[in-house]
Amino acid sequence: MERDDSEPADSRPADPLGRAMLAHHYDEPGRLTYRDGADVQDGTVAAFYFSSPASWDPETIELLERLSDCQPVLDVGCGAGKHLLWWADRGIDAVGVDASPNAVRTARERCEVRRTSRRSCVEQRSTSRSSGLRGGEAAERGLESVLVGDMFDLPVETDAFGAVHAIGTQVGLGRSLAGIGELLGEFARVTDGSGVAVVDNYDPTRLDDDFFGYRSDPRDGVAHRCFHLEFACEADGGERDREVGRTLQFLLCSPARLREAGIGTPWRVRDVLRSDGDAHYRAVLEKGTGTDAAGR
């Protein structure tokens, strides 16, 4: 038999992605899949959410370092906390927010393990004149807060952060240019006057129609992407437990359209980073009235 949790009896929102992260964290069996009608794609949880910095491209490290200079950092859609751990190892103050309770649980547990380990190392070095206490204390501060929250209504105070990191194409969940503008406005609220943000998306002018979940749009530089996630594992008693998430709808937009979405917010596109011919790009946003980077 199979138990379908697409509409859980206790009315909790389905959380297939978070359950997949938690299962991987506990080394328990289970499979995450992306579905769009008959099209199916593996969720590759380990590669996406638990990869080590050694496997990251140099541009990723450069952006994390760039945001480090603007700490404290808010990691929106922090997932299992891989970037929080990177910052913590370097003594950077960072707070994570994710809509998934199970993702937050995973990140908290991973951060607590790292915090305990770091505290032990600091205590062992405390007899030395060069104890490194300042870095250890900063790392602990960076691990203290991982919050469940809606990125459109972030559970943090106004002007509390120097930088926002939102990598995972979350901005596309605004579902329209106006919706992306609202999200950027929320990022502006939680950052100070010299705030920096890093976001990413796919440029539909460089995508083919066979891109997973792709939906065309007659407007230049705009398209859509739709799919849902499912997590399946074996439950107690031999039943197959399947949790089905809601359909996710993303707006895909070119850098020029992202720039348009930011009109009316304090943000300006400072840099657009991507490999030649690649549809995926990362945009660095800064507050101010400076000239935008050239559209690419």
C-alpha atoms as a PDB file:
ATOM      1  CA  MET A   1       0.000   0.000   0.000  1.00  0.00           C
ATOM      2  CA  GLU A   2       1.023   3.618  -0.461  1.00  0.00           C
ATOM      3  CA  ARG A   3       0.203   6.509   1.812  1.00  0.00           C
ATOM      4  CA  ASP A   4      -0.173   9.804  -0.073  1.00  0.00           C
ATOM      5  CA  ASP A   5       0.562  12.926   1.988  1.00  0.00           C
ATOM      6  CA  SER A   6      -0.284  15.488  -0.660  1.00  0.00           C
ATOM      7  CA  GLU A   7      -2.991  16.708   1.747  1.00  0.00           C
ATOM      8  CA  PRO A   8      -1.784  15.750   5.240  1.00  0.00           C
ATOM      9  CA  ALA A   9      -4.497  15.008   7.758  1.00  0.00           C
ATOM     10  CA  ASP A  10      -3.031  17.392  10.328  1.00  0.00           C
ATOM     11  CA  SER A  11      -3.175  20.249   7.776  1.00  0.00           C
ATOM     12  CA  ARG A  12       0.560  20.852   7.910  1.00  0.00           C
ATOM     13  CA  PRO A  13       1.948  21.992   4.550  1.00  0.00           C
ATOM     14  CA  ALA A  14       3.591  19.241   2.555  1.00  0.00           C
ATOM     15  CA  ASP A  15       7.373  19.509   2.797  1.00  0.00           C
ATOM     16  CA  PRO A  16       8.922  16.954   0.426  1.00  0.00           C
ATOM     17  CA  LEU A  17      12.158  18.870  -0.104  1.00  0.00           C
ATOM     18  CA  GLY A  18      12.729  19.366   3.608  1.00  0.00           C
ATOM     19  CA  ARG A  19      11.986  15.715   4.303  1.00  0.00           C
ATOM     20  CA  ALA A  20      14.509  14.720   1.651  1.00  0.00           C
ATOM     21  CA  MET A  21      17.160  16.906   3.301  1.00  0.00           C
ATOM     22  CA  LEU A  22      16.405  15.488   6.732  1.00  0.00           C
ATOM     23  CA  ALA A  23      16.510  11.912   5.430  1.00  0.00           C
ATOM     24  CA  HIS A  24      19.882  12.528   3.790  1.00  0.00           C
ATOM     25  CA  HIS A  25      21.171  14.140   6.991  1.00  0.00           C
ATOM     26  CA  TYR A  26      20.180  11.022   8.956  1.00  0.00           C
ATOM     27  CA  ASP A  27      21.435   8.719   6.193  1.00  0.00           C
ATOM     28  CA  GLU A  28      17.952   7.287   5.766  1.00  0.00           C
ATOM     29  CA  PRO A  29      16.558   5.953   2.467  1.00  0.00           C
ATOM     30  CA  GLY A  30      14.227   7.989   0.298  1.00  0.00           C
ATOM     31  CA  ARG A  31      14.027   9.607  -3.100  1.00  0.00           C
ATOM     32  CA  LEU A  32      13.212  13.170  -4.118  1.00  0.00           C
ATOM     33  CA  THR A  33      11.829  13.763  -7.608  1.00  0.00           C
ATOM     34  CA  TYR A  34      10.780  16.803  -9.614  1.00  0.00           C
ATOM     35  CA  ARG A  35       7.637  16.240 -11.680  1.00  0.00           C
ATOM     36  CA  ASP A  36       6.047  18.183 -14.498  1.00  0.00           C
ATOM     37  CA  GLY A  37       3.322  16.004 -15.939  1.00  0.00           C
ATOM     38  CA  ALA A  38       5.018  12.948 -17.402  1.00  0.00           C
ATOM     39  CA  ASP A  39       8.471  14.526 -17.135  1.00  0.00           C
ATOM     40  CA  VAL A  40      10.472  13.396 -14.117  1.00  0.00           C
ATOM     41  CA  GLN A  41      13.843  14.590 -12.866  1.00  0.00           C
ATOM     42  CA  ASP A  42      15.893  13.339  -9.922  1.00  0.00           C
ATOM     43  CA  GLY A  43      16.204  15.769  -7.017  1.00  0.00           C
ATOM     44  CA  THR A  44      19.955  15.160  -6.465  1.00  0.00           C
ATOM     45  CA  VAL A  45      19.737  16.218  -2.825  1.00  0.00           C
ATOM     46  CA  ALA A  46      23.361  15.453  -1.986  1.00  0.00           C
ATOM     47  CA  ALA A  47      24.769  17.508  -4.860  1.00  0.00           C
ATOM     48  CA  PHE A  48      22.453  20.490  -4.425  1.00  0.00           C
ATOM     49  CA  TYR A  49      22.223  20.831  -0.652  1.00  0.00           C
ATOM     50  CA  PHE A  50      25.146  18.963   0.935  1.00  0.00           C
ATOM     51  CA  SER A  51      28.049  19.647  -1.412  1.00  0.00           C
ATOM     52  CA  SER A  52      31.391  20.614   0.103  1.00  0.00           C
ATOM     53  CA  PRO A  53      33.140  23.907  -0.693  1.00  0.00           C
ATOM     54  CA  ALA A  54      35.855  21.946  -2.495  1.00  0.00           C
ATOM     55  CA  SER A  55      33.324  21.210  -5.246  1.00  0.00           C
ATOM     56  CA  TRP A  56      32.059  24.803  -5.631  1.00  0.00           C
ATOM     57  CA  ASP A  57      33.118  26.944  -8.561  1.00  0.00           C
ATOM     58  CA  PRO A  58      35.447  29.901  -7.891  1.00  0.00           C
ATOM     59  CA  GLU A  59      32.681  32.418  -8.628  1.00  0.00           C
ATOM     60  CA  THR A  60      30.570  30.982  -5.795  1.00  0.00           C
ATOM     61  CA  ILE A  61      33.410  31.425  -3.317  1.00  0.00           C
ATOM     62  CA  GLU A  62      34.076  34.945  -4.580  1.00  0.00           C
ATOM     63  CA  LEU A  63      30.443  35.949  -4.041  1.00  0.00           C
ATOM     64  CA  LEU A  64      30.367  34.466  -0.536  1.00  0.00           C
ATOM     65  CA  GLU A  65      33.537  36.386   0.291  1.00  0.00           C
ATOM     66  CA  ARG A  66      32.056  39.551  -1.190  1.00  0.00           C
ATOM     67  CA  LEU A  67      29.002  39.262   1.052  1.00  0.00           C
ATOM     68  CA  SER A  68      31.230  38.487   4.036  1.00  0.00           C
ATOM     69  CA  ASP A  69      32.559  42.034   3.819  1.00  0.00           C
ATOM     70  CA  CYS A  70      28.996  43.273   4.430  1.00  0.00           C
ATOM     71  CA  GLN A  71      28.099  41.046   7.392  1.00  0.00           C
ATOM     72  CA  PRO A  72      25.775  40.211   9.009  1.00  0.00           C
ATOM     73  CA  VAL A  73      24.426  38.144   6.121  1.00  0.00           C
ATOM     74  CA  LEU A  74      20.872  36.838   5.719  1.00  0.00           C
ATOM     75  CA  ASP A  75      20.772  33.574   3.747  1.00  0.00           C
ATOM     76  CA  VAL A  76      17.265  33.388   2.264  1.00  0.00           C
ATOM     77  CA  GLY A  77      16.304  29.844   1.312  1.00  0.00           C
ATOM     78  CA  CYS A  78      19.222  28.473   3.306  1.00  0.00           C
ATOM     79  CA  GLY A  79      18.222  24.839   2.793  1.00  0.00           C
ATOM     80  CA  ALA A  80      20.434  22.434   4.729  1.00  0.00           C
ATOM     81  CA  GLY A  81      22.792  25.252   5.692  1.00  0.00           C
ATOM     82  CA  LYS A  82      25.844  24.610   3.526  1.00  0.00           C
ATOM     83  CA  HIS A  83      26.564  28.311   3.033  1.00  0.00           C
ATOM     84  CA  LEU A  84      25.885  29.092   6.700  1.00  0.00           C
ATOM     85  CA  LEU A  85      28.531  26.539   7.618  1.00  0.00           C
ATOM     86  CA  TRP A  86      31.004  28.108   5.188  1.00  0.00           C
ATOM     87  CA  TRP A  87      30.499  31.539   6.757  1.00  0.00           C
ATOM     88  CA  ALA A  88      30.643  30.134  10.287  1.00  0.00           C
ATOM     89  CA  ASP A  89      33.998  28.503   9.624  1.00  0.00           C
ATOM     90  CA  ARG A  90      35.318  31.968   8.789  1.00  0.00           C
ATOM     91  CA  GLY A  91      33.797  33.765  11.753  1.00  0.00           C
ATOM     92  CA  ILE A  92      31.135  35.578   9.712  1.00  0.00           C
ATOM     93  CA  ASP A  93      27.796  36.482  11.289  1.00  0.00           C
ATOM     94  CA  ALA A  94      25.032  34.872   9.233  1.00  0.00           C
ATOM     95  CA  VAL A  95      21.385  33.964   9.781  1.00  0.00           C
ATOM     96  CA  GLY A  96      19.405  31.500   7.674  1.00  0.00           C
ATOM     97  CA  VAL A  97      15.723  31.578   6.745  1.00  0.00           C
ATOM     98  CA  ASP A  98      13.800  28.863   4.937  1.00  0.00           C
ATOM     99  CA  ALA A  99      10.106  28.143   4.393  1.00  0.00           C
ATOM    100  CA  SER A 100      10.691  24.431   5.026  1.00  0.00           C
ATOM    101  CA  PRO A 101      10.539  23.383   8.695  1.00  0.00           C
ATOM    102  CA  ASN A 102      12.461  20.196   7.941  1.00  0.00           C
ATOM    103  CA  ALA A 103      15.169  22.091   6.068  1.00  0.00           C
ATOM    104  CA  VAL A 104      15.516  24.431   9.044  1.00  0.00           C
ATOM    105  CA  ARG A 105      15.723  21.453  11.395  1.00  0.00           C
ATOM    106  CA  THR A 106      18.453  19.947   9.227  1.00  0.00           C
ATOM    107  CA  ALA A 107      20.413  23.194   9.103  1.00  0.00           C
ATOM    108  CA  ARG A 108      20.083  23.724  12.847  1.00  0.00           C
ATOM    109  CA  GLU A 109      21.338  20.237  13.638  1.00  0.00           C
ATOM    110  CA  ARG A 110      24.278  20.526  11.254  1.00  0.00           C
ATOM    111  CA  CYS A 111      25.139  23.940  12.657  1.00  0.00           C
ATOM    112  CA  GLU A 112      24.908  22.685  16.231  1.00  0.00           C
ATOM    113  CA  VAL A 113      27.357  19.885  15.466  1.00  0.00           C
ATOM    114  CA  ARG A 114      29.754  22.406  13.948  1.00  0.00           C
ATOM    115  CA  ARG A 115      29.272  24.817  16.847  1.00  0.00           C
ATOM    116  CA  THR A 116      30.016  22.094  19.407  1.00  0.00           C
ATOM    117  CA  SER A 117      33.117  21.084  17.513  1.00  0.00           C
ATOM    118  CA  ARG A 118      34.312  24.680  17.230  1.00  0.00           C
ATOM    119  CA  ARG A 119      33.644  25.358  20.916  1.00  0.00           C
ATOM    120  CA  SER A 120      35.738  22.322  21.791  1.00  0.00           C
ATOM    121  CA  CYS A 121      38.589  23.549  19.605  1.00  0.00           C
ATOM    122  CA  VAL A 122      38.419  27.019  21.148  1.00  0.00           C
ATOM    123  CA  GLU A 123      38.505  25.572  24.658  1.00  0.00           C
ATOM    124  CA  GLN A 124      41.512  23.446  23.760  1.00  0.00           C
ATOM    125  CA  ARG A 125      43.332  26.548  22.482  1.00  0.00           C
ATOM    126  CA  SER A 126      42.314  28.777  25.389  1.00  0.00           C
ATOM    127  CA  THR A 127      45.602  28.249  27.228  1.00  0.00           C
ATOM    128  CA  SER A 128      47.504  29.701  24.293  1.00  0.00           C
ATOM    129  CA  ARG A 129      48.071  33.453  23.972  1.00  0.00           C
ATOM    130  CA  SER A 130      46.845  33.125  20.388  1.00  0.00           C
ATOM    131  CA  SER A 131      43.575  31.406  21.264  1.00  0.00           C
ATOM    132  CA  GLY A 132      41.447  32.598  18.344  1.00  0.00           C
ATOM    133  CA  LEU A 133      38.545  33.276  20.697  1.00  0.00           C
ATOM    134  CA  ARG A 134      37.234  36.170  18.655  1.00  0.00           C
ATOM    135  CA  GLY A 135      36.831  34.030  15.545  1.00  0.00           C
ATOM    136  CA  GLY A 136      35.269  31.201  17.523  1.00  0.00           C
ATOM    137  CA  GLU A 137      32.753  33.497  19.164  1.00  0.00           C
ATOM    138  CA  ALA A 138      31.834  35.031  15.827  1.00  0.00           C
ATOM    139  CA  ALA A 139      31.313  31.574  14.374  1.00  0.00           C
ATOM    140  CA  GLU A 140      28.956  30.678  17.211  1.00  0.00           C
ATOM    141  CA  ARG A 141      26.931  33.855  16.640  1.00  0.00           C
ATOM    142  CA  GLY A 142      26.646  32.909  12.991  1.00  0.00           C
ATOM    143  CA  LEU A 143      25.236  29.512  13.903  1.00  0.00           C
ATOM    144  CA  GLU A 144      22.689  30.611  16.475  1.00  0.00           C
ATOM    145  CA  SER A 145      19.800  31.564  14.186  1.00  0.00           C
ATOM    146  CA  VAL A 146      18.166  29.447  11.532  1.00  0.00           C
ATOM    147  CA  LEU A 147      14.546  30.484  11.192  1.00  0.00           C
ATOM    148  CA  VAL A 148      11.398  29.177   9.566  1.00  0.00           C
ATOM    149  CA  GLY A 149       9.952  32.044   7.575  1.00  0.00           C
ATOM    150  CA  ASP A 150       8.318  33.395   4.444  1.00  0.00           C
ATOM    151  CA  MET A 151      10.783  35.325   2.298  1.00  0.00           C
ATOM    152  CA  PHE A 152       8.018  37.741   1.289  1.00  0.00           C
ATOM    153  CA  ASP A 153       7.547  38.602   4.986  1.00  0.00           C
ATOM    154  CA  LEU A 154      10.904  37.889   6.577  1.00  0.00           C
ATOM    155  CA  PRO A 155      10.890  37.290  10.358  1.00  0.00           C
ATOM    156  CA  VAL A 156      13.727  39.755  10.988  1.00  0.00           C
ATOM    157  CA  GLU A 157      13.966  43.410  11.909  1.00  0.00           C
ATOM    158  CA  THR A 158      14.292  46.321   9.502  1.00  0.00           C
ATOM    159  CA  ASP A 159      17.887  47.313   8.617  1.00  0.00           C
ATOM    160  CA  ALA A 160      19.213  44.286  10.521  1.00  0.00           C
ATOM    161  CA  PHE A 161      21.579  42.986   7.826  1.00  0.00           C
ATOM    162  CA  GLY A 162      24.281  44.210   5.532  1.00  0.00           C
ATOM    163  CA  ALA A 163      23.694  41.594   2.850  1.00  0.00           C
ATOM    164  CA  VAL A 164      21.115  39.143   1.505  1.00  0.00           C
ATOM    165  CA  HIS A 165      22.068  35.891  -0.200  1.00  0.00           C
ATOM    166  CA  ALA A 166      19.175  34.294  -2.139  1.00  0.00           C
ATOM    167  CA  ILE A 167      20.608  31.634  -4.439  1.00  0.00           C
ATOM    168  CA  GLY A 168      18.354  28.858  -5.734  1.00  0.00           C
ATOM    169  CA  THR A 169      16.258  30.941  -8.172  1.00  0.00           C
ATOM    170  CA  GLN A 170      13.973  31.922  -5.275  1.00  0.00           C
ATOM    171  CA  VAL A 171      13.322  35.336  -6.809  1.00  0.00           C
ATOM    172  CA  GLY A 172      11.425  33.560  -9.574  1.00  0.00           C
ATOM    173  CA  LEU A 173       8.800  32.564  -7.020  1.00  0.00           C
ATOM    174  CA  GLY A 174       7.601  36.148  -7.260  1.00  0.00           C
ATOM    175  CA  ARG A 175       5.807  34.709 -10.346  1.00  0.00           C
ATOM    176  CA  SER A 176       5.700  38.089 -12.097  1.00  0.00           C
ATOM    177  CA  LEU A 177       7.934  41.116 -12.545  1.00  0.00           C
ATOM    178  CA  ALA A 178       5.777  42.945 -10.016  1.00  0.00           C
ATOM    179  CA  GLY A 179       6.098  40.019  -7.609  1.00  0.00           C
ATOM    180  CA  ILE A 180       9.873  40.006  -7.973  1.00  0.00           C
ATOM    181  CA  GLY A 181       9.811  43.741  -7.288  1.00  0.00           C
ATOM    182  CA  GLU A 182       7.877  43.120  -4.065  1.00  0.00           C
ATOM    183  CA  LEU A 183      10.422  40.521  -2.991  1.00  0.00           C
ATOM    184  CA  LEU A 184      13.302  42.875  -3.727  1.00  0.00           C
ATOM    185  CA  GLY A 185      11.481  45.471  -1.651  1.00  0.00           C
ATOM    186  CA  GLU A 186      11.433  43.061   1.287  1.00  0.00           C
ATOM    187  CA  PHE A 187      15.158  42.424   0.838  1.00  0.00           C
ATOM    188  CA  ALA A 188      15.634  46.196   0.896  1.00  0.00           C
ATOM    189  CA  ARG A 189      13.679  46.484   4.142  1.00  0.00           C
ATOM    190  CA  VAL A 190      15.897  44.077   6.051  1.00  0.00           C
ATOM    191  CA  THR A 191      19.209  45.528   4.813  1.00  0.00           C
ATOM    192  CA  ASP A 192      20.898  48.751   5.828  1.00  0.00           C
ATOM    193  CA  GLY A 193      21.528  51.742   3.593  1.00  0.00           C
ATOM    194  CA  SER A 194      24.626  50.241   2.000  1.00  0.00           C
ATOM    195  CA  GLY A 195      23.086  46.802   1.576  1.00  0.00           C
ATOM    196  CA  VAL A 196      24.119  44.238  -1.023  1.00  0.00           C
ATOM    197  CA  ALA A 197      22.082  41.311  -2.365  1.00  0.00           C
ATOM    198  CA  VAL A 198      22.927  38.346  -4.571  1.00  0.00           C
ATOM    199  CA  VAL A 199      20.120  36.624  -6.480  1.00  0.00           C
ATOM    200  CA  ASP A 200      19.999  34.232  -9.413  1.00  0.00           C
ATOM    201  CA  ASN A 201      17.695  33.143 -12.217  1.00  0.00           C
ATOM    202  CA  TYR A 202      17.586  31.598 -15.680  1.00  0.00           C
ATOM    203  CA  ASP A 203      17.647  33.832 -18.743  1.00  0.00           C
ATOM    204  CA  PRO A 204      14.897  32.522 -21.059  1.00  0.00           C
ATOM    205  CA  THR A 205      16.590  34.069 -24.088  1.00  0.00           C
ATOM    206  CA  ARG A 206      19.198  31.328 -23.673  1.00  0.00           C
ATOM    207  CA  LEU A 207      16.850  28.427 -22.919  1.00  0.00           C
ATOM    208  CA  ASP A 208      15.348  25.785 -25.186  1.00  0.00           C
ATOM    209  CA  ASP A 209      11.748  24.650 -24.929  1.00  0.00           C
ATOM    210  CA  ASP A 210      12.899  21.290 -23.514  1.00  0.00           C
ATOM    211  CA  PHE A 211      14.212  22.924 -20.320  1.00  0.00           C
ATOM    212  CA  PHE A 212      12.519  21.102 -17.433  1.00  0.00           C
ATOM    213  CA  GLY A 213       9.179  22.707 -16.526  1.00  0.00           C
ATOM    214  CA  TYR A 214       9.494  25.386 -19.222  1.00  0.00           C
ATOM    215  CA  ARG A 215       6.470  27.496 -20.181  1.00  0.00           C
ATOM    216  CA  SER A 216       6.829  30.115 -22.900  1.00  0.00           C
ATOM    217  CA  ASP A 217       5.690  33.732 -22.693  1.00  0.00           C
ATOM    218  CA  PRO A 218       5.146  36.134 -25.622  1.00  0.00           C
ATOM    219  CA  ARG A 219       7.183  38.869 -23.929  1.00  0.00           C
ATOM    220  CA  ASP A 220      10.885  39.223 -24.646  1.00  0.00           C
ATOM    221  CA  GLY A 221      13.139  38.071 -21.830  1.00  0.00           C
ATOM    222  CA  VAL A 222      10.339  36.432 -19.853  1.00  0.00           C
ATOM    223  CA  ALA A 223       9.176  32.819 -19.486  1.00  0.00           C
ATOM    224  CA  HIS A 224       7.818  30.567 -16.756  1.00  0.00           C
ATOM    225  CA  ARG A 225       8.725  27.312 -15.076  1.00  0.00           C
ATOM    226  CA  CYS A 226       6.322  24.962 -13.285  1.00  0.00           C
ATOM    227  CA  PHE A 227       6.857  21.678 -11.451  1.00  0.00           C
ATOM    228  CA  HIS A 228       6.228  20.034  -8.103  1.00  0.00           C
ATOM    229  CA  LEU A 229       8.380  17.928  -5.792  1.00  0.00           C
ATOM    230  CA  GLU A 230       7.701  14.480  -4.372  1.00  0.00           C
ATOM    231  CA  PHE A 231       9.501  12.562  -1.654  1.00  0.00           C
ATOM    232  CA  ALA A 232       8.998   8.810  -1.335  1.00  0.00           C
ATOM    233  CA  CYS A 233      10.303   6.400   1.277  1.00  0.00           C
ATOM    234  CA  GLU A 234       9.293   3.227   3.046  1.00  0.00           C
ATOM    235  CA  ALA A 235       7.227   3.912   6.153  1.00  0.00           C
ATOM    236  CA  ASP A 236       6.648   1.745   9.213  1.00  0.00           C
ATOM    237  CA  GLY A 237       4.773  -1.438   8.431  1.00  0.00           C
ATOM    238  CA  GLY A 238       6.137  -1.673   4.919  1.00  0.00           C
ATOM    239  CA  GLU A 239       3.867   1.016   3.476  1.00  0.00           C
ATOM    240  CA  ARG A 240       5.326   3.364   0.895  1.00  0.00           C
ATOM    241  CA  ASP A 241       5.109   6.929   2.150  1.00  0.00           C
ATOM    242  CA  ARG A 242       4.806   9.574  -0.577  1.00  0.00           C
ATOM    243  CA  GLU A 243       4.647  13.299   0.168  1.00  0.00           C
ATOM    244  CA  VAL A 244       3.640  15.579  -2.709  1.00  0.00           C
ATOM    245  CA  GLY A 245       4.369  19.287  -2.646  1.00  0.00           C
ATOM    246  CA  ARG A 246       2.360  22.084  -4.178  1.00  0.00           C
ATOM    247  CA  THR A 247       3.063  23.205  -7.724  1.00  0.00           C
ATOM    248  CA  LEU A 248       5.869  25.749  -7.812  1.00  0.00           C
ATOM    249  CA  GLN A 249       5.574  28.540 -10.370  1.00  0.00           C
ATOM    250  CA  PHE A 250       8.687  30.526 -11.250  1.00  0.00           C
ATOM    251  CA  LEU A 251       9.129  33.573 -13.435  1.00  0.00           C
ATOM    252  CA  LEU A 252      12.262  33.251 -15.547  1.00  0.00           C
ATOM    253  CA  CYS A 253      13.647  36.612 -16.591  1.00  0.00           C
ATOM    254  CA  SER A 254      16.682  38.016 -18.346  1.00  0.00           C
ATOM    255  CA  PRO A 255      19.043  40.392 -16.504  1.00  0.00           C
ATOM    256  CA  ALA A 256      17.383  43.277 -18.338  1.00  0.00           C
ATOM    257  CA  ARG A 257      13.972  42.197 -17.040  1.00  0.00           C
ATOM    258  CA  LEU A 258      15.385  41.751 -13.532  1.00  0.00           C
ATOM    259  CA  ARG A 259      16.628  45.314 -13.756  1.00  0.00           C
ATOM    260  CA  GLU A 260      13.120  46.369 -14.779  1.00  0.00           C
ATOM    261  CA  ALA A 261      11.619  44.509 -11.817  1.00  0.00           C
ATOM    262  CA  GLY A 262      13.864  46.503  -9.484  1.00  0.00           C
ATOM    263  CA  ILE A 263      12.502  49.866 -10.608  1.00  0.00           C
ATOM    264  CA  GLY A 264      10.862  51.504  -7.623  1.00  0.00           C
ATOM    265  CA  THR A 265      13.160  49.717  -5.152  1.00  0.00           C
ATOM    266  CA  PRO A 266      16.524  50.960  -3.848  1.00  0.00           C
ATOM    267  CA  TRP A 267      18.352  48.202  -5.733  1.00  0.00           C
ATOM    268  CA  ARG A 268      20.531  48.604  -8.802  1.00  0.00           C
ATOM    269  CA  VAL A 269      22.139  45.727 -10.686  1.00  0.00           C
ATOM    270  CA  ARG A 270      25.854  46.096 -10.093  1.00  0.00           C
ATOM    271  CA  ASP A 271      27.154  42.924 -11.769  1.00  0.00           C
ATOM    272  CA  VAL A 272      25.791  40.017 -13.783  1.00  0.00           C
ATOM    273  CA  LEU A 273      27.897  36.874 -13.529  1.00  0.00           C
ATOM    274  CA  ARG A 274      27.637  33.804 -15.749  1.00  0.00           C
ATOM    275  CA  SER A 275      29.642  31.631 -18.094  1.00  0.00           C
ATOM    276  CA  ASP A 276      29.551  32.305 -21.817  1.00  0.00           C
ATOM    277  CA  GLY A 277      26.361  30.904 -23.313  1.00  0.00           C
ATOM    278  CA  ASP A 278      24.986  29.803 -19.939  1.00  0.00           C
ATOM    279  CA  ALA A 279      21.327  30.549 -19.199  1.00  0.00           C
ATOM    280  CA  HIS A 280      21.863  30.595 -15.438  1.00  0.00           C
ATOM    281  CA  TYR A 281      23.181  33.853 -14.038  1.00  0.00           C
ATOM    282  CA  ARG A 282      23.826  35.510 -10.701  1.00  0.00           C
ATOM    283  CA  ALA A 283      23.172  39.197 -10.165  1.00  0.00           C
ATOM    284  CA  VAL A 284      24.807  41.394  -7.548  1.00  0.00           C
ATOM    285  CA  LEU A 285      22.478  44.171  -6.421  1.00  0.00           C
ATOM    286  CA  GLU A 286      23.556  47.259  -4.527  1.00  0.00           C
ATOM    287  CA  LYS A 287      21.569  50.088  -3.026  1.00  0.00           C
ATOM    288  CA  GLY A 288      22.144  53.515  -4.462  1.00  0.00           C
ATOM    289  CA  THR A 289      21.761  55.596  -7.584  1.00  0.00           C
ATOM    290  CA  GLY A 290      24.797  54.366  -9.493  1.00  0.00           C
ATOM    291  CA  THR A 291      24.698  53.190 -13.090  1.00  0.00           C
ATOM    292  CA  ASP A 292      23.604  49.599 -13.646  1.00  0.00           C
ATOM    293  CA  ALA A 293      25.939  47.057 -15.128  1.00  0.00           C
ATOM    294  CA  ALA A 294      25.463  46.586 -18.828  1.00  0.00           C
ATOM    295  CA  GLY A 295      22.772  44.044 -19.669  1.00  0.00           C
ATOM    296  CA  ARG A 296      24.095  40.673 -20.764  1.00  0.00           C
END
